[in-house]
N, C-alpha and C. Protein backbone atom coordinates (compact mmCIF):
# COMPACT_ATOMS: atom_id res chain seq x y z
N MET A 1 140.85 123.55 19.85
CA MET A 1 140.31 122.40 19.17
C MET A 1 138.93 122.04 19.71
N ILE A 2 138.73 122.10 21.02
CA ILE A 2 137.43 121.81 21.60
C ILE A 2 136.38 122.75 21.02
N HIS A 3 136.72 124.01 20.96
CA HIS A 3 135.79 125.00 20.43
C HIS A 3 135.41 124.66 18.99
N ARG A 4 136.37 124.20 18.20
CA ARG A 4 136.12 123.87 16.80
C ARG A 4 135.07 122.75 16.71
N PHE A 5 135.18 121.70 17.55
CA PHE A 5 134.19 120.63 17.53
C PHE A 5 132.83 121.15 17.93
N GLU A 6 132.79 121.99 18.95
CA GLU A 6 131.51 122.49 19.43
C GLU A 6 130.85 123.38 18.39
N GLN A 7 131.63 124.03 17.55
CA GLN A 7 131.10 124.95 16.56
C GLN A 7 131.00 124.34 15.18
N SER A 8 131.33 123.06 15.03
CA SER A 8 131.43 122.45 13.71
C SER A 8 130.09 122.30 13.00
N GLY A 9 129.01 122.22 13.76
CA GLY A 9 127.71 122.00 13.14
C GLY A 9 127.47 120.54 12.79
N ASP A 10 128.45 119.71 12.97
CA ASP A 10 128.31 118.29 12.69
C ASP A 10 127.75 117.61 13.94
N ASP A 11 126.49 117.24 13.90
CA ASP A 11 125.82 116.67 15.08
C ASP A 11 126.50 115.39 15.55
N HIS A 12 126.96 114.57 14.61
CA HIS A 12 127.60 113.32 14.99
C HIS A 12 128.90 113.58 15.75
N LEU A 13 129.73 114.49 15.23
CA LEU A 13 130.98 114.83 15.93
C LEU A 13 130.70 115.47 17.28
N ALA A 14 129.72 116.33 17.33
CA ALA A 14 129.37 116.98 18.59
C ALA A 14 128.91 115.95 19.62
N ALA A 15 128.10 114.98 19.18
CA ALA A 15 127.63 113.93 20.10
C ALA A 15 128.79 113.08 20.58
N MET A 16 129.72 112.75 19.68
CA MET A 16 130.90 111.98 20.08
C MET A 16 131.73 112.75 21.10
N PHE A 17 131.90 114.03 20.87
CA PHE A 17 132.68 114.85 21.78
C PHE A 17 132.00 114.92 23.15
N GLU A 18 130.68 115.10 23.18
CA GLU A 18 129.95 115.13 24.45
C GLU A 18 130.09 113.80 25.18
N GLY A 19 130.03 112.71 24.43
CA GLY A 19 130.19 111.40 25.03
C GLY A 19 131.57 111.22 25.65
N ARG A 20 132.60 111.69 24.96
CA ARG A 20 133.97 111.60 25.49
C ARG A 20 134.10 112.45 26.76
N LYS A 21 133.52 113.64 26.75
CA LYS A 21 133.57 114.49 27.95
C LYS A 21 132.86 113.81 29.12
N PHE A 22 131.70 113.23 28.86
CA PHE A 22 130.92 112.53 29.89
C PHE A 22 131.72 111.36 30.45
N ASN A 23 132.31 110.56 29.57
CA ASN A 23 133.09 109.42 30.01
C ASN A 23 134.30 109.86 30.83
N HIS A 24 134.99 110.89 30.38
CA HIS A 24 136.17 111.39 31.10
C HIS A 24 135.77 111.92 32.48
N ALA A 25 134.65 112.62 32.56
CA ALA A 25 134.20 113.17 33.84
C ALA A 25 133.88 112.07 34.85
N ARG A 26 133.50 110.89 34.38
CA ARG A 26 133.14 109.78 35.27
C ARG A 26 134.32 108.85 35.57
N GLU A 27 135.49 109.15 35.00
CA GLU A 27 136.68 108.32 35.24
C GLU A 27 136.96 108.25 36.74
N GLY A 28 137.28 107.05 37.21
CA GLY A 28 137.57 106.85 38.62
C GLY A 28 136.37 106.34 39.41
N THR A 29 135.21 106.30 38.78
CA THR A 29 134.01 105.81 39.44
C THR A 29 134.07 104.30 39.66
N TYR A 30 134.72 103.62 38.72
CA TYR A 30 134.87 102.17 38.78
C TYR A 30 136.36 101.84 38.76
N GLU A 31 136.71 100.58 38.93
CA GLU A 31 138.11 100.19 39.11
C GLU A 31 138.97 100.41 37.85
N TYR A 32 138.47 100.02 36.70
CA TYR A 32 139.25 100.13 35.46
C TYR A 32 138.49 100.99 34.46
N HIS A 33 139.24 101.82 33.73
CA HIS A 33 138.65 102.77 32.79
C HIS A 33 139.15 102.47 31.38
N GLU A 34 138.25 102.51 30.42
CA GLU A 34 138.55 102.31 29.00
C GLU A 34 139.33 101.02 28.77
N VAL A 35 138.63 99.92 28.97
CA VAL A 35 139.19 98.58 28.85
C VAL A 35 138.96 98.08 27.42
N THR A 36 140.00 97.52 26.82
CA THR A 36 139.89 96.95 25.48
C THR A 36 139.37 95.53 25.58
N ILE A 37 138.31 95.23 24.82
CA ILE A 37 137.67 93.92 24.85
C ILE A 37 137.83 93.24 23.49
N ARG A 38 138.38 92.03 23.50
CA ARG A 38 138.53 91.24 22.27
C ARG A 38 137.18 90.63 21.92
N GLN A 39 136.76 90.82 20.66
CA GLN A 39 135.51 90.29 20.15
C GLN A 39 135.76 88.93 19.49
N PRO A 40 134.72 88.14 19.27
CA PRO A 40 134.89 86.81 18.68
C PRO A 40 135.59 86.82 17.32
N ASP A 41 135.42 87.89 16.54
CA ASP A 41 136.05 87.96 15.21
C ASP A 41 137.49 88.46 15.27
N GLY A 42 138.00 88.69 16.48
CA GLY A 42 139.38 89.17 16.64
C GLY A 42 139.50 90.68 16.74
N SER A 43 138.44 91.40 16.39
CA SER A 43 138.48 92.85 16.51
C SER A 43 138.38 93.24 17.98
N VAL A 44 138.56 94.52 18.27
CA VAL A 44 138.44 94.99 19.64
C VAL A 44 137.41 96.11 19.73
N LYS A 45 136.78 96.20 20.88
CA LYS A 45 135.85 97.28 21.21
C LYS A 45 136.30 97.82 22.57
N TYR A 46 135.87 99.00 22.88
CA TYR A 46 136.28 99.63 24.13
C TYR A 46 135.11 99.72 25.10
N LEU A 47 135.36 99.27 26.31
CA LEU A 47 134.39 99.34 27.40
C LEU A 47 134.73 100.54 28.25
N ASP A 48 133.75 101.35 28.60
CA ASP A 48 134.03 102.58 29.33
C ASP A 48 134.63 102.31 30.70
N ASP A 49 134.02 101.44 31.50
CA ASP A 49 134.54 101.15 32.84
C ASP A 49 134.23 99.71 33.22
N TYR A 50 135.00 99.24 34.21
CA TYR A 50 134.85 97.85 34.63
C TYR A 50 135.33 97.69 36.07
N THR A 51 134.52 97.03 36.87
CA THR A 51 134.93 96.55 38.19
C THR A 51 134.61 95.06 38.20
N PRO A 52 135.64 94.20 38.18
CA PRO A 52 135.42 92.76 38.09
C PRO A 52 134.45 92.24 39.15
N GLY A 53 133.52 91.41 38.70
CA GLY A 53 132.54 90.82 39.59
C GLY A 53 131.42 91.74 39.99
N GLU A 54 131.50 93.00 39.57
CA GLU A 54 130.48 93.98 39.96
C GLU A 54 129.84 94.71 38.79
N ALA A 55 130.66 95.36 37.96
CA ALA A 55 130.10 96.28 36.98
C ALA A 55 130.83 96.25 35.64
N VAL A 56 130.06 96.09 34.58
CA VAL A 56 130.51 96.22 33.20
C VAL A 56 129.76 97.44 32.68
N VAL A 57 130.46 98.56 32.48
CA VAL A 57 129.80 99.85 32.30
C VAL A 57 130.01 100.44 30.92
N SER A 58 128.90 100.79 30.29
CA SER A 58 128.91 101.58 29.07
C SER A 58 128.19 102.87 29.38
N ARG A 59 128.67 103.96 28.82
CA ARG A 59 128.04 105.26 29.07
C ARG A 59 127.48 105.87 27.80
N LYS A 60 126.35 106.51 27.96
CA LYS A 60 125.73 107.27 26.88
C LYS A 60 125.17 108.55 27.48
N THR A 61 125.28 109.63 26.74
CA THR A 61 124.75 110.91 27.22
C THR A 61 123.26 111.06 26.92
N THR A 62 122.64 110.00 26.54
CA THR A 62 121.24 109.98 26.09
C THR A 62 120.23 110.38 27.17
N GLN A 63 119.29 111.20 26.75
CA GLN A 63 118.07 111.43 27.51
C GLN A 63 117.02 110.56 26.82
N PHE A 64 116.66 109.44 27.44
CA PHE A 64 115.82 108.44 26.76
C PHE A 64 114.46 108.97 26.33
N ALA A 65 113.91 109.94 27.03
CA ALA A 65 112.61 110.49 26.63
C ALA A 65 112.73 111.34 25.37
N ASP A 66 113.94 111.69 24.98
CA ASP A 66 114.16 112.56 23.81
C ASP A 66 114.55 111.81 22.55
N VAL A 67 114.68 110.49 22.62
CA VAL A 67 115.04 109.72 21.43
C VAL A 67 113.91 108.76 21.08
N THR A 68 113.93 108.29 19.85
CA THR A 68 112.90 107.32 19.44
C THR A 68 113.12 106.00 20.18
N GLU A 69 112.07 105.22 20.25
CA GLU A 69 112.20 103.91 20.87
C GLU A 69 113.21 103.06 20.10
N ASP A 70 113.22 103.17 18.77
CA ASP A 70 114.19 102.42 17.98
C ASP A 70 115.62 102.79 18.34
N ARG A 71 115.86 104.09 18.54
CA ARG A 71 117.22 104.54 18.91
C ARG A 71 117.57 104.02 20.30
N ALA A 72 116.65 104.10 21.24
CA ALA A 72 116.91 103.61 22.60
C ALA A 72 117.22 102.11 22.58
N ARG A 73 116.46 101.35 21.80
CA ARG A 73 116.69 99.92 21.70
C ARG A 73 118.06 99.64 21.07
N ALA A 74 118.42 100.42 20.08
CA ALA A 74 119.72 100.23 19.42
C ALA A 74 120.87 100.45 20.40
N ILE A 75 120.75 101.44 21.27
CA ILE A 75 121.78 101.72 22.27
C ILE A 75 121.92 100.52 23.22
N ILE A 76 120.81 100.02 23.68
CA ILE A 76 120.81 98.88 24.62
C ILE A 76 121.33 97.62 23.92
N ARG A 77 120.85 97.38 22.72
CA ARG A 77 121.26 96.19 21.95
C ARG A 77 122.76 96.23 21.67
N GLU A 78 123.28 97.39 21.29
CA GLU A 78 124.71 97.53 21.01
C GLU A 78 125.54 97.18 22.24
N PHE A 79 125.16 97.68 23.39
CA PHE A 79 125.88 97.39 24.63
C PHE A 79 125.86 95.90 24.92
N ALA A 80 124.67 95.29 24.90
CA ALA A 80 124.54 93.87 25.20
C ALA A 80 125.31 93.01 24.20
N HIS A 81 125.40 93.47 22.96
CA HIS A 81 126.10 92.72 21.92
C HIS A 81 127.62 92.85 22.04
N LYS A 82 128.11 94.03 22.34
CA LYS A 82 129.56 94.28 22.41
C LYS A 82 130.21 93.79 23.70
N HIS A 83 129.48 93.78 24.80
CA HIS A 83 130.08 93.52 26.11
C HIS A 83 129.28 92.55 26.97
N PRO A 84 128.92 91.39 26.42
CA PRO A 84 128.16 90.44 27.25
C PRO A 84 129.04 89.89 28.38
N THR A 85 128.43 89.56 29.47
CA THR A 85 129.17 89.02 30.61
C THR A 85 129.17 87.49 30.56
N GLN A 86 130.19 86.93 31.19
CA GLN A 86 130.33 85.47 31.29
C GLN A 86 130.33 84.77 29.94
N ASN A 87 130.84 85.44 28.90
CA ASN A 87 130.91 84.85 27.58
C ASN A 87 132.38 84.71 27.21
N PRO A 88 132.88 83.47 27.08
CA PRO A 88 134.30 83.27 26.81
C PRO A 88 134.77 83.79 25.46
N ASP A 89 133.84 84.16 24.58
CA ASP A 89 134.21 84.72 23.28
C ASP A 89 134.50 86.22 23.34
N PHE A 90 134.20 86.86 24.47
CA PHE A 90 134.43 88.29 24.67
C PHE A 90 135.32 88.43 25.90
N THR A 91 136.60 88.76 25.67
CA THR A 91 137.56 88.76 26.78
C THR A 91 138.32 90.08 26.89
N ILE A 92 138.88 90.29 28.04
CA ILE A 92 139.76 91.44 28.25
C ILE A 92 140.99 91.19 27.38
N ALA A 93 141.20 92.05 26.40
CA ALA A 93 142.25 91.85 25.41
C ALA A 93 143.64 91.96 26.04
N ASP A 94 144.55 91.18 25.50
CA ASP A 94 145.95 91.24 25.93
C ASP A 94 146.64 92.33 25.11
N THR A 95 146.56 93.56 25.62
CA THR A 95 147.17 94.72 24.96
C THR A 95 148.10 95.39 25.95
N PRO A 96 149.05 96.19 25.46
CA PRO A 96 149.92 96.91 26.40
C PRO A 96 149.13 97.78 27.39
N ALA A 97 148.09 98.44 26.91
CA ALA A 97 147.30 99.31 27.80
C ALA A 97 146.59 98.49 28.87
N ASN A 98 145.99 97.37 28.48
CA ASN A 98 145.32 96.52 29.47
C ASN A 98 146.31 95.90 30.43
N ARG A 99 147.47 95.45 29.93
CA ARG A 99 148.48 94.88 30.84
C ARG A 99 148.90 95.91 31.88
N ALA A 100 149.06 97.17 31.46
CA ALA A 100 149.43 98.23 32.41
C ALA A 100 148.29 98.49 33.39
N ALA A 101 147.08 98.59 32.89
CA ALA A 101 145.92 98.88 33.75
C ALA A 101 145.69 97.76 34.75
N PHE A 102 145.87 96.52 34.32
CA PHE A 102 145.61 95.36 35.16
C PHE A 102 146.89 94.81 35.80
N SER A 103 147.88 95.67 35.99
CA SER A 103 149.17 95.20 36.52
C SER A 103 149.03 94.60 37.92
N SER A 104 148.06 95.06 38.70
CA SER A 104 147.86 94.49 40.04
C SER A 104 146.99 93.24 40.00
N ALA A 105 146.41 92.94 38.85
CA ALA A 105 145.57 91.74 38.69
C ALA A 105 145.76 91.17 37.28
N PRO A 106 146.99 90.80 36.92
CA PRO A 106 147.26 90.35 35.55
C PRO A 106 146.48 89.11 35.13
N HIS A 107 146.02 88.34 36.09
CA HIS A 107 145.24 87.14 35.78
C HIS A 107 143.91 87.46 35.10
N LEU A 108 143.47 88.72 35.17
CA LEU A 108 142.20 89.12 34.55
C LEU A 108 142.32 89.29 33.04
N VAL A 109 143.53 89.59 32.55
CA VAL A 109 143.72 89.74 31.11
C VAL A 109 143.45 88.39 30.45
N GLY A 110 142.60 88.40 29.44
CA GLY A 110 142.24 87.17 28.74
C GLY A 110 140.98 86.50 29.28
N THR A 111 140.40 87.06 30.33
CA THR A 111 139.20 86.47 30.91
C THR A 111 137.94 87.18 30.42
N PRO A 112 136.80 86.47 30.49
CA PRO A 112 135.53 87.12 30.13
C PRO A 112 135.14 88.18 31.16
N LEU A 113 134.31 89.09 30.73
CA LEU A 113 133.78 90.11 31.63
C LEU A 113 132.86 89.47 32.66
N ASP A 114 132.87 90.00 33.87
CA ASP A 114 132.05 89.46 34.95
C ASP A 114 131.47 90.62 35.74
N GLY A 115 130.14 90.68 35.82
CA GLY A 115 129.48 91.74 36.58
C GLY A 115 128.18 92.12 35.91
N SER A 116 127.45 93.01 36.54
CA SER A 116 126.20 93.51 35.98
C SER A 116 126.49 94.45 34.82
N MET A 117 125.71 94.30 33.74
CA MET A 117 125.83 95.23 32.62
C MET A 117 125.09 96.51 32.99
N ILE A 118 125.85 97.59 33.14
CA ILE A 118 125.28 98.86 33.57
C ILE A 118 125.42 99.88 32.44
N LEU A 119 124.28 100.40 32.00
CA LEU A 119 124.27 101.48 31.04
C LEU A 119 124.11 102.76 31.85
N GLU A 120 125.19 103.51 31.96
CA GLU A 120 125.20 104.71 32.80
C GLU A 120 124.87 105.93 31.94
N VAL A 121 123.89 106.69 32.40
CA VAL A 121 123.39 107.86 31.69
C VAL A 121 123.35 109.05 32.65
N PRO A 122 123.26 110.26 32.11
CA PRO A 122 123.07 111.42 33.00
C PRO A 122 121.72 111.31 33.71
N VAL A 123 121.56 112.08 34.77
CA VAL A 123 120.25 112.17 35.41
C VAL A 123 119.25 112.57 34.33
N GLN A 124 118.15 111.85 34.27
CA GLN A 124 117.16 112.08 33.21
C GLN A 124 116.24 113.24 33.57
N THR A 125 115.94 114.07 32.59
CA THR A 125 115.07 115.21 32.83
C THR A 125 113.60 114.81 32.83
N ARG A 126 113.30 113.65 32.20
CA ARG A 126 111.94 113.09 32.18
C ARG A 126 112.07 111.58 32.35
N ALA A 127 110.98 110.95 32.67
CA ALA A 127 110.99 109.51 32.92
C ALA A 127 111.43 108.73 31.68
N VAL A 128 112.19 107.67 31.90
CA VAL A 128 112.54 106.75 30.83
C VAL A 128 111.26 106.00 30.46
N PRO A 129 110.93 105.95 29.18
CA PRO A 129 109.70 105.26 28.78
C PRO A 129 109.67 103.80 29.27
N PRO A 130 108.50 103.34 29.71
CA PRO A 130 108.38 101.97 30.22
C PRO A 130 108.88 100.91 29.24
N SER A 131 108.62 101.08 27.95
CA SER A 131 109.05 100.09 26.97
C SER A 131 110.57 100.00 26.89
N VAL A 132 111.26 101.11 27.10
CA VAL A 132 112.73 101.12 27.09
C VAL A 132 113.26 100.45 28.35
N ARG A 133 112.65 100.75 29.49
CA ARG A 133 113.07 100.11 30.74
C ARG A 133 112.90 98.60 30.65
N GLU A 134 111.78 98.15 30.10
CA GLU A 134 111.50 96.72 29.95
C GLU A 134 112.48 96.07 28.97
N TYR A 135 112.74 96.73 27.85
CA TYR A 135 113.65 96.19 26.84
C TYR A 135 115.04 95.97 27.45
N ALA A 136 115.52 96.92 28.21
CA ALA A 136 116.83 96.79 28.87
C ALA A 136 116.81 95.65 29.88
N ALA A 137 115.80 95.59 30.71
CA ALA A 137 115.72 94.55 31.74
C ALA A 137 115.68 93.17 31.12
N ALA A 138 114.96 93.01 30.03
CA ALA A 138 114.87 91.71 29.36
C ALA A 138 116.22 91.25 28.84
N ARG A 139 117.15 92.17 28.64
CA ARG A 139 118.50 91.85 28.18
C ARG A 139 119.53 91.88 29.29
N GLY A 140 119.05 92.03 30.52
CA GLY A 140 119.95 92.05 31.67
C GLY A 140 120.73 93.34 31.81
N VAL A 141 120.26 94.42 31.20
CA VAL A 141 120.96 95.71 31.26
C VAL A 141 120.30 96.59 32.31
N VAL A 142 121.10 97.06 33.25
CA VAL A 142 120.67 97.99 34.29
C VAL A 142 120.87 99.40 33.75
N ILE A 143 119.81 100.20 33.73
CA ILE A 143 119.95 101.62 33.37
C ILE A 143 120.14 102.38 34.67
N HIS A 144 121.27 103.03 34.79
CA HIS A 144 121.72 103.63 36.05
C HIS A 144 122.13 105.06 35.75
N ASP A 145 121.64 106.02 36.52
CA ASP A 145 122.08 107.40 36.25
C ASP A 145 123.25 107.77 37.15
N THR A 146 123.83 108.92 36.88
CA THR A 146 125.04 109.34 37.60
C THR A 146 124.80 109.69 39.06
N SER A 147 123.54 109.79 39.47
CA SER A 147 123.26 110.04 40.89
C SER A 147 123.17 108.73 41.67
N GLY A 148 123.22 107.61 40.95
CA GLY A 148 123.14 106.31 41.61
C GLY A 148 121.77 105.65 41.53
N THR A 149 120.82 106.29 40.88
CA THR A 149 119.48 105.74 40.77
C THR A 149 119.40 104.70 39.64
N VAL A 150 118.87 103.52 39.97
CA VAL A 150 118.60 102.51 38.95
C VAL A 150 117.23 102.85 38.36
N LEU A 151 117.19 103.11 37.07
CA LEU A 151 115.99 103.62 36.42
C LEU A 151 115.05 102.53 35.93
N ASN A 152 115.49 101.28 35.96
CA ASN A 152 114.61 100.17 35.55
C ASN A 152 114.59 99.06 36.61
N GLN A 153 114.63 99.44 37.89
CA GLN A 153 114.67 98.45 38.97
C GLN A 153 113.42 97.57 39.00
N ALA A 154 112.24 98.15 38.85
CA ALA A 154 111.01 97.36 38.91
C ALA A 154 111.00 96.32 37.79
N GLU A 155 111.45 96.71 36.61
CA GLU A 155 111.47 95.77 35.48
C GLU A 155 112.51 94.67 35.71
N LEU A 156 113.67 95.03 36.27
CA LEU A 156 114.68 94.02 36.60
C LEU A 156 114.15 93.05 37.64
N ASP A 157 113.48 93.58 38.67
CA ASP A 157 112.89 92.73 39.71
C ASP A 157 111.86 91.78 39.12
N ALA A 158 111.05 92.27 38.18
CA ALA A 158 110.03 91.43 37.54
C ALA A 158 110.69 90.29 36.77
N HIS A 159 111.83 90.55 36.15
CA HIS A 159 112.52 89.48 35.42
C HIS A 159 113.11 88.44 36.36
N VAL A 160 113.58 88.85 37.52
CA VAL A 160 114.08 87.89 38.52
C VAL A 160 112.92 87.02 38.97
N THR A 161 111.77 87.62 39.22
CA THR A 161 110.58 86.86 39.63
C THR A 161 110.18 85.89 38.53
N ASP A 162 110.22 86.34 37.27
CA ASP A 162 109.87 85.45 36.16
C ASP A 162 110.78 84.24 36.09
N VAL A 163 112.05 84.43 36.37
CA VAL A 163 113.03 83.35 36.28
C VAL A 163 112.95 82.42 37.50
N PHE A 164 112.86 82.98 38.71
CA PHE A 164 112.95 82.20 39.92
C PHE A 164 111.61 81.95 40.61
N GLY A 165 110.56 82.56 40.14
CA GLY A 165 109.26 82.38 40.77
C GLY A 165 109.01 83.43 41.84
N SER A 166 107.80 83.54 42.29
CA SER A 166 107.41 84.62 43.21
C SER A 166 107.98 84.43 44.62
N ASP A 167 108.45 83.22 44.97
CA ASP A 167 108.99 83.01 46.30
C ASP A 167 110.44 83.44 46.43
N PHE A 168 111.08 83.82 45.30
CA PHE A 168 112.48 84.22 45.33
C PHE A 168 112.62 85.54 46.09
N GLU A 169 113.52 85.58 47.01
CA GLU A 169 113.77 86.80 47.78
C GLU A 169 115.15 87.31 47.51
């Protein structure tokens, strides 16, 4: 079946399959994997990984230098829209899978997400364009590669300075 997807010629299916492989390969990096999140309209979305108080993680196999700025912005916007932190309208859904996953911390089911929004990507073959780094930082999204490098740290730092002033340490 894997071979069939890889040979299908359908770019969308192939990209989805690559994304699933990437997400599966990173399983165990954070405390909870594939968490169901209740949206304000009652629907659910899936968050790739979560460590309460630390990391709200979405993964994309994107090489940002290889996509249009519009596509890069759409990826960042989608993440910020689907999984905002500290928003009581977006909660860890009360589902059998979440109850099982959170069995050691059942009090977390039904609570809003808490932690840095991290967009995890593969190590980039070329620099992430400055406009993409800035766009993510302005939305509180950390672009982080699988080697542990934060790819928009300077832009995030600039936003902290903008909010708290230059004396903030």
